[in-house]
PDB file of N, CA and C in Angstrom:
ATOM      1  N   MET A   1      88.281  43.444  48.572  1.00  0.00           N
ATOM      2  CA  MET A   1      87.122  43.070  49.315  1.00  0.00           C
ATOM      3  C   MET A   1      86.401  44.392  49.813  1.00  0.00           C
ATOM      4  N   GLU A   2      85.045  44.332  49.677  1.00  0.00           N
ATOM      5  CA  GLU A   2      84.314  45.503  50.046  1.00  0.00           C
ATOM      6  C   GLU A   2      84.364  45.770  51.515  1.00  0.00           C
ATOM      7  N   PRO A   3      84.313  47.026  52.024  1.00  0.00           N
ATOM      8  CA  PRO A   3      84.442  47.311  53.432  1.00  0.00           C
ATOM      9  C   PRO A   3      83.506  46.568  54.339  1.00  0.00           C
ATOM     10  N   ARG A   4      82.245  46.390  53.930  1.00  0.00           N
ATOM     11  CA  ARG A   4      81.224  45.668  54.782  1.00  0.00           C
ATOM     12  C   ARG A   4      81.706  44.231  55.029  1.00  0.00           C
ATOM     13  N   LYS A   5      82.131  43.569  53.920  1.00  0.00           N
ATOM     14  CA  LYS A   5      82.597  42.159  54.039  1.00  0.00           C
ATOM     15  C   LYS A   5      83.813  42.063  54.885  1.00  0.00           C
ATOM     16  N   LYS A   6      84.759  43.022  54.690  1.00  0.00           N
ATOM     17  CA  LYS A   6      85.910  43.074  55.496  1.00  0.00           C
ATOM     18  C   LYS A   6      85.614  43.165  56.972  1.00  0.00           C
ATOM     19  N   LEU A   7      84.635  44.082  57.287  1.00  0.00           N
ATOM     20  CA  LEU A   7      84.299  44.240  58.726  1.00  0.00           C
ATOM     21  C   LEU A   7      83.626  43.012  59.239  1.00  0.00           C
ATOM     22  N   GLY A   8      82.756  42.343  58.453  1.00  0.00           N
ATOM     23  CA  GLY A   8      82.171  41.119  58.887  1.00  0.00           C
ATOM     24  C   GLY A   8      83.151  39.959  59.102  1.00  0.00           C
ATOM     25  N   GLN A   9      84.115  39.886  58.192  1.00  0.00           N
ATOM     26  CA  GLN A   9      85.207  38.863  58.374  1.00  0.00           C
ATOM     27  C   GLN A   9      86.030  39.136  59.601  1.00  0.00           C
ATOM     28  N   ALA A  10      86.344  40.435  59.814  1.00  0.00           N
ATOM     29  CA  ALA A  10      87.122  40.729  61.027  1.00  0.00           C
ATOM     30  C   ALA A  10      86.341  40.409  62.275  1.00  0.00           C
ATOM     31  N   GLY A  11      85.019  40.674  62.253  1.00  0.00           N
ATOM     32  CA  GLY A  11      84.097  40.309  63.414  1.00  0.00           C
ATOM     33  C   GLY A  11      84.064  38.863  63.663  1.00  0.00           C
ATOM     34  N   GLU A  12      84.005  38.063  62.579  1.00  0.00           N
ATOM     35  CA  GLU A  12      83.933  36.674  62.765  1.00  0.00           C
ATOM     36  C   GLU A  12      85.263  36.140  63.347  1.00  0.00           C
ATOM     37  N   ASN A  13      86.392  36.657  62.960  1.00  0.00           N
ATOM     38  CA  ASN A  13      87.694  36.315  63.580  1.00  0.00           C
ATOM     39  C   ASN A  13      87.746  36.623  64.990  1.00  0.00           C
ATOM     40  N   LEU A  14      87.251  37.865  65.377  1.00  0.00           N
ATOM     41  CA  LEU A  14      87.198  38.231  66.833  1.00  0.00           C
ATOM     42  C   LEU A  14      86.297  37.237  67.586  1.00  0.00           C
ATOM     43  N   ALA A  15      85.119  36.966  66.970  1.00  0.00           N
ATOM     44  CA  ALA A  15      84.199  36.106  67.659  1.00  0.00           C
ATOM     45  C   ALA A  15      84.781  34.704  67.848  1.00  0.00           C
ATOM     46  N   LYS A  16      85.475  34.128  66.939  1.00  0.00           N
ATOM     47  CA  LYS A  16      86.117  32.836  67.081  1.00  0.00           C
ATOM     48  C   LYS A  16      87.130  32.882  68.263  1.00  0.00           C
ATOM     49  N   LYS A  17      87.935  33.894  68.315  1.00  0.00           N
ATOM     50  CA  LYS A  17      88.918  33.974  69.442  1.00  0.00           C
ATOM     51  C   LYS A  17      88.181  34.094  70.770  1.00  0.00           C
ATOM     52  N   TYR A  18      87.123  34.920  70.778  1.00  0.00           N
ATOM     53  CA  TYR A  18      86.368  35.127  72.024  1.00  0.00           C
ATOM     54  C   TYR A  18      85.762  33.774  72.460  1.00  0.00           C
ATOM     55  N   LEU A  19      85.117  33.021  71.551  1.00  0.00           N
ATOM     56  CA  LEU A  19      84.446  31.772  71.881  1.00  0.00           C
ATOM     57  C   LEU A  19      85.465  30.780  72.425  1.00  0.00           C
ATOM     58  N   GLN A  20      86.660  30.704  71.734  1.00  0.00           N
ATOM     59  CA  GLN A  20      87.655  29.790  72.175  1.00  0.00           C
ATOM     60  C   GLN A  20      88.159  30.157  73.586  1.00  0.00           C
ATOM     61  N   LYS A  21      88.303  31.447  73.888  1.00  0.00           N
ATOM     62  CA  LYS A  21      88.682  31.863  75.188  1.00  0.00           C
ATOM     63  C   LYS A  21      87.688  31.433  76.226  1.00  0.00           C
ATOM     64  N   LYS A  22      86.423  31.398  75.839  1.00  0.00           N
ATOM     65  CA  LYS A  22      85.343  30.997  76.771  1.00  0.00           C
ATOM     66  C   LYS A  22      85.146  29.512  76.873  1.00  0.00           C
ATOM     67  N   GLY A  23      86.042  28.787  76.146  1.00  0.00           N
ATOM     68  CA  GLY A  23      86.001  27.348  76.237  1.00  0.00           C
ATOM     69  C   GLY A  23      85.282  26.570  75.214  1.00  0.00           C
ATOM     70  N   LEU A  24      84.701  27.250  74.225  1.00  0.00           N
ATOM     71  CA  LEU A  24      83.966  26.607  73.120  1.00  0.00           C
ATOM     72  C   LEU A  24      85.005  26.143  72.129  1.00  0.00           C
ATOM     73  N   LYS A  25      84.710  25.058  71.461  1.00  0.00           N
ATOM     74  CA  LYS A  25      85.574  24.526  70.388  1.00  0.00           C
ATOM     75  C   LYS A  25      84.919  24.941  69.038  1.00  0.00           C
ATOM     76  N   VAL A  26      85.686  25.729  68.266  1.00  0.00           N
ATOM     77  CA  VAL A  26      85.189  26.192  66.954  1.00  0.00           C
ATOM     78  C   VAL A  26      85.395  24.991  65.980  1.00  0.00           C
ATOM     79  N   LEU A  27      84.266  24.526  65.389  1.00  0.00           N
ATOM     80  CA  LEU A  27      84.363  23.343  64.450  1.00  0.00           C
ATOM     81  C   LEU A  27      84.452  23.778  63.016  1.00  0.00           C
ATOM     82  N   ALA A  28      83.710  24.877  62.667  1.00  0.00           N
ATOM     83  CA  ALA A  28      83.680  25.294  61.244  1.00  0.00           C
ATOM     84  C   ALA A  28      83.189  26.725  61.218  1.00  0.00           C
ATOM     85  N   SER A  29      83.368  27.372  60.047  1.00  0.00           N
ATOM     86  CA  SER A  29      82.784  28.682  59.810  1.00  0.00           C
ATOM     87  C   SER A  29      82.294  28.799  58.384  1.00  0.00           C
ATOM     88  N   ASN A  30      81.344  29.698  58.207  1.00  0.00           N
ATOM     89  CA  ASN A  30      80.726  29.928  56.935  1.00  0.00           C
ATOM     90  C   ASN A  30      80.255  28.655  56.225  1.00  0.00           C
ATOM     91  N   LEU A  31      79.432  27.883  56.978  1.00  0.00           N
ATOM     92  CA  LEU A  31      78.822  26.680  56.466  1.00  0.00           C
ATOM     93  C   LEU A  31      77.578  27.094  55.679  1.00  0.00           C
ATOM     94  N   ARG A  32      77.604  26.736  54.404  1.00  0.00           N
ATOM     95  CA  ARG A  32      76.500  27.189  53.486  1.00  0.00           C
ATOM     96  C   ARG A  32      75.439  26.031  53.340  1.00  0.00           C
ATOM     97  N   PHE A  33      74.186  26.539  53.460  1.00  0.00           N
ATOM     98  CA  PHE A  33      73.061  25.677  53.190  1.00  0.00           C
ATOM     99  C   PHE A  33      72.290  26.402  52.089  1.00  0.00           C
ATOM    100  N   PRO A  34      71.396  25.672  51.401  1.00  0.00           N
ATOM    101  CA  PRO A  34      70.567  26.327  50.356  1.00  0.00           C
ATOM    102  C   PRO A  34      69.774  27.539  50.820  1.00  0.00           C
ATOM    103  N   PHE A  35      69.447  27.620  52.049  1.00  0.00           N
ATOM    104  CA  PHE A  35      68.666  28.693  52.626  1.00  0.00           C
ATOM    105  C   PHE A  35      69.336  29.633  53.579  1.00  0.00           C
ATOM    106  N   GLY A  36      70.709  29.546  53.626  1.00  0.00           N
ATOM    107  CA  GLY A  36      71.374  30.411  54.579  1.00  0.00           C
ATOM    108  C   GLY A  36      72.781  29.869  54.936  1.00  0.00           C
ATOM    109  N   GLU A  37      73.489  30.589  55.784  1.00  0.00           N
ATOM    110  CA  GLU A  37      74.765  30.296  56.210  1.00  0.00           C
ATOM    111  C   GLU A  37      74.937  30.412  57.657  1.00  0.00           C
ATOM    112  N   ILE A  38      75.677  29.463  58.225  1.00  0.00           N
ATOM    113  CA  ILE A  38      76.060  29.478  59.636  1.00  0.00           C
ATOM    114  C   ILE A  38      77.368  30.182  59.721  1.00  0.00           C
ATOM    115  N   ASP A  39      77.468  31.300  60.423  1.00  0.00           N
ATOM    116  CA  ASP A  39      78.716  32.040  60.549  1.00  0.00           C
ATOM    117  C   ASP A  39      79.795  31.164  61.259  1.00  0.00           C
ATOM    118  N   ILE A  40      79.420  30.601  62.421  1.00  0.00           N
ATOM    119  CA  ILE A  40      80.386  29.742  63.168  1.00  0.00           C
ATOM    120  C   ILE A  40      79.595  28.547  63.761  1.00  0.00           C
ATOM    121  N   LEU A  41      80.192  27.418  63.620  1.00  0.00           N
ATOM    122  CA  LEU A  41      79.624  26.213  64.233  1.00  0.00           C
ATOM    123  C   LEU A  41      80.624  25.811  65.377  1.00  0.00           C
ATOM    124  N   ALA A  42      80.154  25.791  66.528  1.00  0.00           N
ATOM    125  CA  ALA A  42      81.016  25.524  67.690  1.00  0.00           C
ATOM    126  C   ALA A  42      80.449  24.355  68.573  1.00  0.00           C
ATOM    127  N   GLN A  43      81.292  23.900  69.443  1.00  0.00           N
ATOM    128  CA  GLN A  43      80.792  22.884  70.484  1.00  0.00           C
ATOM    129  C   GLN A  43      81.038  23.441  71.816  1.00  0.00           C
ATOM    130  N   ASP A  44      80.049  23.342  72.655  1.00  0.00           N
ATOM    131  CA  ASP A  44      80.096  23.780  74.078  1.00  0.00           C
ATOM    132  C   ASP A  44      79.574  22.671  74.855  1.00  0.00           C
ATOM    133  N   GLY A  45      80.486  21.819  75.354  1.00  0.00           N
ATOM    134  CA  GLY A  45      80.050  20.648  76.090  1.00  0.00           C
ATOM    135  C   GLY A  45      79.271  19.672  75.160  1.00  0.00           C
ATOM    136  N   ASP A  46      78.058  19.364  75.568  1.00  0.00           N
ATOM    137  CA  ASP A  46      77.179  18.448  74.798  1.00  0.00           C
ATOM    138  C   ASP A  46      76.449  19.170  73.673  1.00  0.00           C
ATOM    139  N   TYR A  47      76.624  20.492  73.588  1.00  0.00           N
ATOM    140  CA  TYR A  47      75.854  21.284  72.541  1.00  0.00           C
ATOM    141  C   TYR A  47      76.609  21.531  71.305  1.00  0.00           C
ATOM    142  N   LEU A  48      75.918  21.442  70.149  1.00  0.00           N
ATOM    143  CA  LEU A  48      76.425  22.022  68.977  1.00  0.00           C
ATOM    144  C   LEU A  48      75.852  23.408  68.982  1.00  0.00           C
ATOM    145  N   VAL A  49      76.641  24.442  68.674  1.00  0.00           N
ATOM    146  CA  VAL A  49      76.192  25.786  68.802  1.00  0.00           C
ATOM    147  C   VAL A  49      76.303  26.493  67.453  1.00  0.00           C
ATOM    148  N   VAL A  50      75.143  26.980  66.951  1.00  0.00           N
ATOM    149  CA  VAL A  50      75.065  27.770  65.794  1.00  0.00           C
ATOM    150  C   VAL A  50      75.288  29.234  66.236  1.00  0.00           C
ATOM    151  N   VAL A  51      76.294  29.843  65.776  1.00  0.00           N
ATOM    152  CA  VAL A  51      76.709  31.249  66.223  1.00  0.00           C
ATOM    153  C   VAL A  51      76.458  32.180  65.037  1.00  0.00           C
ATOM    154  N   GLU A  52      75.578  33.171  65.300  1.00  0.00           N
ATOM    155  CA  GLU A  52      75.424  34.293  64.342  1.00  0.00           C
ATOM    156  C   GLU A  52      76.291  35.433  64.891  1.00  0.00           C
ATOM    157  N   VAL A  53      77.125  36.002  64.015  1.00  0.00           N
ATOM    158  CA  VAL A  53      77.937  37.155  64.399  1.00  0.00           C
ATOM    159  C   VAL A  53      77.498  38.372  63.740  1.00  0.00           C
ATOM    160  N   LYS A  54      77.257  39.353  64.529  1.00  0.00           N
ATOM    161  CA  LYS A  54      76.883  40.709  64.007  1.00  0.00           C
ATOM    162  C   LYS A  54      77.870  41.724  64.473  1.00  0.00           C
ATOM    163  N   THR A  55      78.445  42.431  63.483  1.00  0.00           N
ATOM    164  CA  THR A  55      79.538  43.401  63.723  1.00  0.00           C
ATOM    165  C   THR A  55      79.147  44.731  63.153  1.00  0.00           C
ATOM    166  N   LYS A  56      79.336  45.817  63.964  1.00  0.00           N
ATOM    167  CA  LYS A  56      79.088  47.157  63.417  1.00  0.00           C
ATOM    168  C   LYS A  56      80.247  48.060  63.920  1.00  0.00           C
ATOM    169  N   SER A  57      80.496  49.003  63.051  1.00  0.00           N
ATOM    170  CA  SER A  57      81.519  50.031  63.376  1.00  0.00           C
ATOM    171  C   SER A  57      80.938  51.326  64.003  1.00  0.00           C
ATOM    172  N   ASN A  58      79.617  51.422  63.911  1.00  0.00           N
ATOM    173  CA  ASN A  58      78.960  52.578  64.585  1.00  0.00           C
ATOM    174  C   ASN A  58      77.525  52.123  65.028  1.00  0.00           C
ATOM    175  N   LEU A  59      76.958  52.912  65.913  1.00  0.00           N
ATOM    176  CA  LEU A  59      75.657  52.535  66.480  1.00  0.00           C
ATOM    177  C   LEU A  59      74.502  53.452  65.933  1.00  0.00           C
ATOM    178  N   ASP A  60      74.753  54.094  64.828  1.00  0.00           N
ATOM    179  CA  ASP A  60      73.734  54.959  64.312  1.00  0.00           C
ATOM    180  C   ASP A  60      72.340  54.361  64.191  1.00  0.00           C
ATOM    181  N   PHE A  61      72.269  53.131  63.847  1.00  0.00           N
ATOM    182  CA  PHE A  61      70.990  52.411  63.634  1.00  0.00           C
ATOM    183  C   PHE A  61      70.805  51.343  64.633  1.00  0.00           C
ATOM    184  N   GLY A  62      71.426  51.434  65.849  1.00  0.00           N
ATOM    185  CA  GLY A  62      71.281  50.418  66.855  1.00  0.00           C
ATOM    186  C   GLY A  62      72.536  49.533  67.064  1.00  0.00           C
ATOM    187  N   ALA A  63      72.437  48.739  68.062  1.00  0.00           N
ATOM    188  CA  ALA A  63      73.485  47.833  68.364  1.00  0.00           C
ATOM    189  C   ALA A  63      73.509  46.613  67.460  1.00  0.00           C
ATOM    190  N   PRO A  64      74.671  45.956  67.292  1.00  0.00           N
ATOM    191  CA  PRO A  64      74.746  44.845  66.353  1.00  0.00           C
ATOM    192  C   PRO A  64      73.698  43.746  66.637  1.00  0.00           C
ATOM    193  N   TYR A  65      73.444  43.416  67.888  1.00  0.00           N
ATOM    194  CA  TYR A  65      72.535  42.356  68.240  1.00  0.00           C
ATOM    195  C   TYR A  65      71.109  42.712  67.892  1.00  0.00           C
ATOM    196  N   GLU A  66      70.815  43.956  67.780  1.00  0.00           N
ATOM    197  CA  GLU A  66      69.478  44.375  67.326  1.00  0.00           C
ATOM    198  C   GLU A  66      69.152  44.138  65.873  1.00  0.00           C
ATOM    199  N   MET A  67      70.157  43.728  65.112  1.00  0.00           N
ATOM    200  CA  MET A  67      69.960  43.401  63.746  1.00  0.00           C
ATOM    201  C   MET A  67      69.457  41.901  63.591  1.00  0.00           C
ATOM    202  N   VAL A  68      69.369  41.209  64.660  1.00  0.00           N
ATOM    203  CA  VAL A  68      68.856  39.842  64.622  1.00  0.00           C
ATOM    204  C   VAL A  68      67.328  39.926  64.899  1.00  0.00           C
ATOM    205  N   ASN A  69      66.668  40.248  63.829  1.00  0.00           N
ATOM    206  CA  ASN A  69      65.221  40.452  63.836  1.00  0.00           C
ATOM    207  C   ASN A  69      64.418  39.148  63.705  1.00  0.00           C
ATOM    208  N   PHE A  70      63.144  39.193  63.555  1.00  0.00           N
ATOM    209  CA  PHE A  70      62.271  37.998  63.429  1.00  0.00           C
ATOM    210  C   PHE A  70      62.701  37.181  62.188  1.00  0.00           C
ATOM    211  N   LYS A  71      62.912  37.827  61.132  1.00  0.00           N
ATOM    212  CA  LYS A  71      63.241  37.138  59.896  1.00  0.00           C
ATOM    213  C   LYS A  71      64.584  36.335  60.065  1.00  0.00           C
ATOM    214  N   LYS A  72      65.587  36.987  60.674  1.00  0.00           N
ATOM    215  CA  LYS A  72      66.890  36.391  60.948  1.00  0.00           C
ATOM    216  C   LYS A  72      66.766  35.242  61.880  1.00  0.00           C
ATOM    217  N   ARG A  73      65.943  35.432  62.927  1.00  0.00           N
ATOM    218  CA  ARG A  73      65.705  34.321  63.961  1.00  0.00           C
ATOM    219  C   ARG A  73      65.089  33.130  63.248  1.00  0.00           C
ATOM    220  N   ARG A  74      64.126  33.361  62.340  1.00  0.00           N
ATOM    221  CA  ARG A  74      63.467  32.238  61.619  1.00  0.00           C
ATOM    222  C   ARG A  74      64.573  31.506  60.797  1.00  0.00           C
ATOM    223  N   LYS A  75      65.414  32.255  60.126  1.00  0.00           N
ATOM    224  CA  LYS A  75      66.449  31.634  59.285  1.00  0.00           C
ATOM    225  C   LYS A  75      67.356  30.840  60.192  1.00  0.00           C
ATOM    226  N   LEU A  76      67.757  31.351  61.363  1.00  0.00           N
ATOM    227  CA  LEU A  76      68.604  30.662  62.291  1.00  0.00           C
ATOM    228  C   LEU A  76      67.975  29.369  62.814  1.00  0.00           C
ATOM    229  N   PHE A  77      66.654  29.458  63.013  1.00  0.00           N
ATOM    230  CA  PHE A  77      65.905  28.257  63.465  1.00  0.00           C
ATOM    231  C   PHE A  77      65.924  27.213  62.405  1.00  0.00           C
ATOM    232  N   ASN A  78      65.733  27.604  61.151  1.00  0.00           N
ATOM    233  CA  ASN A  78      65.777  26.641  60.029  1.00  0.00           C
ATOM    234  C   ASN A  78      67.183  26.007  59.873  1.00  0.00           C
ATOM    235  N   LEU A  79      68.202  26.815  60.079  1.00  0.00           N
ATOM    236  CA  LEU A  79      69.562  26.293  59.980  1.00  0.00           C
ATOM    237  C   LEU A  79      69.844  25.281  61.151  1.00  0.00           C
ATOM    238  N   ALA A  80      69.356  25.581  62.322  1.00  0.00           N
ATOM    239  CA  ALA A  80      69.485  24.617  63.429  1.00  0.00           C
ATOM    240  C   ALA A  80      68.700  23.367  63.179  1.00  0.00           C
ATOM    241  N   ARG A  81      67.483  23.503  62.576  1.00  0.00           N
ATOM    242  CA  ARG A  81      66.741  22.322  62.289  1.00  0.00           C
ATOM    243  C   ARG A  81      67.446  21.486  61.272  1.00  0.00           C
ATOM    244  N   ALA A  82      68.052  22.113  60.260  1.00  0.00           N
ATOM    245  CA  ALA A  82      68.837  21.328  59.268  1.00  0.00           C
ATOM    246  C   ALA A  82      69.991  20.533  59.944  1.00  0.00           C
ATOM    247  N   LEU A  83      70.697  21.185  60.898  1.00  0.00           N
ATOM    248  CA  LEU A  83      71.730  20.552  61.607  1.00  0.00           C
ATOM    249  C   LEU A  83      71.211  19.342  62.405  1.00  0.00           C
ATOM    250  N   SER A  84      69.987  19.574  62.982  1.00  0.00           N
ATOM    251  CA  SER A  84      69.394  18.566  63.806  1.00  0.00           C
ATOM    252  C   SER A  84      69.107  17.324  62.945  1.00  0.00           C
ATOM    253  N   ALA A  85      68.698  17.509  61.694  1.00  0.00           N
ATOM    254  CA  ALA A  85      68.376  16.435  60.868  1.00  0.00           C
ATOM    255  C   ALA A  85      69.688  15.616  60.476  1.00  0.00           C
ATOM    256  N   ARG A  86      70.824  16.348  60.347  1.00  0.00           N
ATOM    257  CA  ARG A  86      72.071  15.707  60.045  1.00  0.00           C
ATOM    258  C   ARG A  86      72.653  14.996  61.262  1.00  0.00           C
ATOM    259  N   PHE A  87      72.313  15.496  62.481  1.00  0.00           N
ATOM    260  CA  PHE A  87      72.884  14.955  63.778  1.00  0.00           C
ATOM    261  C   PHE A  87      71.700  14.680  64.705  1.00  0.00           C
ATOM    262  N   PRO A  88      70.929  13.622  64.404  1.00  0.00           N
ATOM    263  CA  PRO A  88      69.727  13.252  65.212  1.00  0.00           C
ATOM    264  C   PRO A  88      70.160  13.028  66.710  1.00  0.00           C
ATOM    265  N   GLY A  89      69.466  13.536  67.655  1.00  0.00           N
ATOM    266  CA  GLY A  89      69.658  13.353  69.055  1.00  0.00           C
ATOM    267  C   GLY A  89      70.668  14.391  69.638  1.00  0.00           C
ATOM    268  N   GLN A  90      71.314  15.143  68.752  1.00  0.00           N
ATOM    269  CA  GLN A  90      72.322  16.085  69.228  1.00  0.00           C
ATOM    270  C   GLN A  90      71.627  17.336  69.753  1.00  0.00           C
ATOM    271  N   ASP A  91      72.022  17.803  70.954  1.00  0.00           N
ATOM    272  CA  ASP A  91      71.484  19.077  71.468  1.00  0.00           C
ATOM    273  C   ASP A  91      72.107  20.272  70.644  1.00  0.00           C
ATOM    274  N   ILE A  92      71.230  21.135  70.249  1.00  0.00           N
ATOM    275  CA  ILE A  92      71.648  22.295  69.443  1.00  0.00           C
ATOM    276  C   ILE A  92      71.089  23.581  70.009  1.00  0.00           C
ATOM    277  N   ARG A  93      71.901  24.634  70.063  1.00  0.00           N
ATOM    278  CA  ARG A  93      71.441  25.918  70.541  1.00  0.00           C
ATOM    279  C   ARG A  93      71.949  26.936  69.544  1.00  0.00           C
ATOM    280  N   VAL A  94      71.302  28.138  69.584  1.00  0.00           N
ATOM    281  CA  VAL A  94      71.636  29.181  68.668  1.00  0.00           C
ATOM    282  C   VAL A  94      72.063  30.377  69.582  1.00  0.00           C
ATOM    283  N   ASP A  95      73.292  30.860  69.303  1.00  0.00           N
ATOM    284  CA  ASP A  95      73.859  32.059  70.043  1.00  0.00           C
ATOM    285  C   ASP A  95      74.084  33.235  69.117  1.00  0.00           C
ATOM    286  N   VAL A  96      74.153  34.429  69.657  1.00  0.00           N
ATOM    287  CA  VAL A  96      74.513  35.560  68.892  1.00  0.00           C
ATOM    288  C   VAL A  96      75.757  36.212  69.554  1.00  0.00           C
ATOM    289  N   VAL A  97      76.776  36.554  68.746  1.00  0.00           N
ATOM    290  CA  VAL A  97      77.884  37.298  69.275  1.00  0.00           C
ATOM    291  C   VAL A  97      77.817  38.685  68.621  1.00  0.00           C
ATOM    292  N   SER A  98      77.697  39.672  69.445  1.00  0.00           N
ATOM    293  CA  SER A  98      77.573  41.084  68.917  1.00  0.00           C
ATOM    294  C   SER A  98      78.839  41.788  69.192  1.00  0.00           C
ATOM    295  N   ILE A  99      79.350  42.449  68.139  1.00  0.00           N
ATOM    296  CA  ILE A  99      80.692  43.072  68.170  1.00  0.00           C
ATOM    297  C   ILE A  99      80.539  44.579  67.747  1.00  0.00           C
ATOM    298  N   GLU A 100      81.010  45.466  68.604  1.00  0.00           N
ATOM    299  CA  GLU A 100      81.042  46.935  68.251  1.00  0.00           C
ATOM    300  C   GLU A 100      82.573  47.280  68.118  1.00  0.00           C
ATOM    301  N   THR A 101      82.908  47.648  66.941  1.00  0.00           N
ATOM    302  CA  THR A 101      84.355  47.871  66.672  1.00  0.00           C
ATOM    303  C   THR A 101      84.723  49.367  66.849  1.00  0.00           C
ATOM    304  N   ASN A 102      83.724  50.155  67.249  1.00  0.00           N
ATOM    305  CA  ASN A 102      84.036  51.611  67.437  1.00  0.00           C
ATOM    306  C   ASN A 102      84.708  51.786  68.792  1.00  0.00           C
ATOM    307  N   ASN A 103      84.863  50.811  69.607  1.00  0.00           N
ATOM    308  CA  ASN A 103      85.551  50.854  70.892  1.00  0.00           C
ATOM    309  C   ASN A 103      86.954  50.262  70.760  1.00  0.00           C
ATOM    310  N   THR A 104      87.887  50.626  71.587  1.00  0.00           N
ATOM    311  CA  THR A 104      89.149  49.968  71.651  1.00  0.00           C
ATOM    312  C   THR A 104      89.400  49.490  73.039  1.00  0.00           C
ATOM    313  N   PRO A 105      89.435  48.241  73.401  1.00  0.00           N
ATOM    314  CA  PRO A 105      89.182  47.148  72.390  1.00  0.00           C
ATOM    315  C   PRO A 105      87.746  47.080  72.046  1.00  0.00           C
ATOM    316  N   ALA A 106      87.462  46.204  71.028  1.00  0.00           N
ATOM    317  CA  ALA A 106      86.041  46.013  70.617  1.00  0.00           C
ATOM    318  C   ALA A 106      85.222  45.562  71.718  1.00  0.00           C
ATOM    319  N   LYS A 107      83.948  45.994  71.747  1.00  0.00           N
ATOM    320  CA  LYS A 107      83.015  45.517  72.729  1.00  0.00           C
ATOM    321  C   LYS A 107      82.328  44.207  72.207  1.00  0.00           C
ATOM    322  N   ILE A 108      82.409  43.122  72.946  1.00  0.00           N
ATOM    323  CA  ILE A 108      81.859  41.860  72.512  1.00  0.00           C
ATOM    324  C   ILE A 108      80.836  41.402  73.518  1.00  0.00           C
ATOM    325  N   GLU A 109      79.680  41.085  73.050  1.00  0.00           N
ATOM    326  CA  GLU A 109      78.600  40.582  73.907  1.00  0.00           C
ATOM    327  C   GLU A 109      78.192  39.244  73.312  1.00  0.00           C
ATOM    328  N   HIS A 110      77.852  38.260  74.242  1.00  0.00           N
ATOM    329  CA  HIS A 110      77.476  36.915  73.805  1.00  0.00           C
ATOM    330  C   HIS A 110      76.173  36.610  74.390  1.00  0.00           C
ATOM    331  N   PHE A 111      75.176  36.373  73.530  1.00  0.00           N
ATOM    332  CA  PHE A 111      73.783  36.016  73.911  1.00  0.00           C
ATOM    333  C   PHE A 111      73.548  34.525  73.600  1.00  0.00           C
ATOM    334  N   GLN A 112      73.360  33.774  74.624  1.00  0.00           N
ATOM    335  CA  GLN A 112      73.223  32.353  74.439  1.00  0.00           C
ATOM    336  C   GLN A 112      71.778  31.946  74.280  1.00  0.00           C
ATOM    337  N   ASN A 113      71.531  30.947  73.490  1.00  0.00           N
ATOM    338  CA  ASN A 113      70.220  30.277  73.365  1.00  0.00           C
ATOM    339  C   ASN A 113      69.099  31.237  73.018  1.00  0.00           C
ATOM    340  N   ILE A 114      69.308  32.037  71.994  1.00  0.00           N
ATOM    341  CA  ILE A 114      68.352  33.115  71.697  1.00  0.00           C
ATOM    342  C   ILE A 114      66.984  32.641  71.221  1.00  0.00           C
ATOM    343  N   LEU A 115      66.895  31.340  70.842  1.00  0.00           N
ATOM    344  CA  LEU A 115      65.580  30.883  70.329  1.00  0.00           C
ATOM    345  C   LEU A 115      64.742  30.294  71.418  1.00  0.00           C
ATOM    346  N   GLU A 116      65.278  30.180  72.624  1.00  0.00           N
ATOM    347  CA  GLU A 116      64.457  29.604  73.703  1.00  0.00           C
ATOM    348  C   GLU A 116      63.337  30.600  74.129  1.00  0.00           C
ATOM    349  N   ALA A 117      62.183  30.080  74.238  1.00  0.00           N
ATOM    350  CA  ALA A 117      61.004  30.893  74.585  1.00  0.00           C
ATOM    351  C   ALA A 117      60.984  31.388  75.985  1.00  0.00           C
TER     352      ALA A 117
END
């Protein structure tokens, strides 16, 4: 497996453990749609949560969460909308889990409801 994919997979595993510690129930990971992929689908109370995981081993080009640009937000919005069509009436939110692996332990930040205006 190429190093970038390995880092991403390790980040997703850390994110799952982190979310479970915070009381979220991880329902699925790597859900593929024709126009994108949901890294982690979780449940937080009444909410279905689309979780985008960004992992970096260095900060040369910014923090991991800074990689969630307008284009990525639009893709996440479309993924949330597709989920909404499958589960009408279900509250859905989009979160980002940002992981920096250059620290020991890794630095994990959780940004909730990133699409709210």
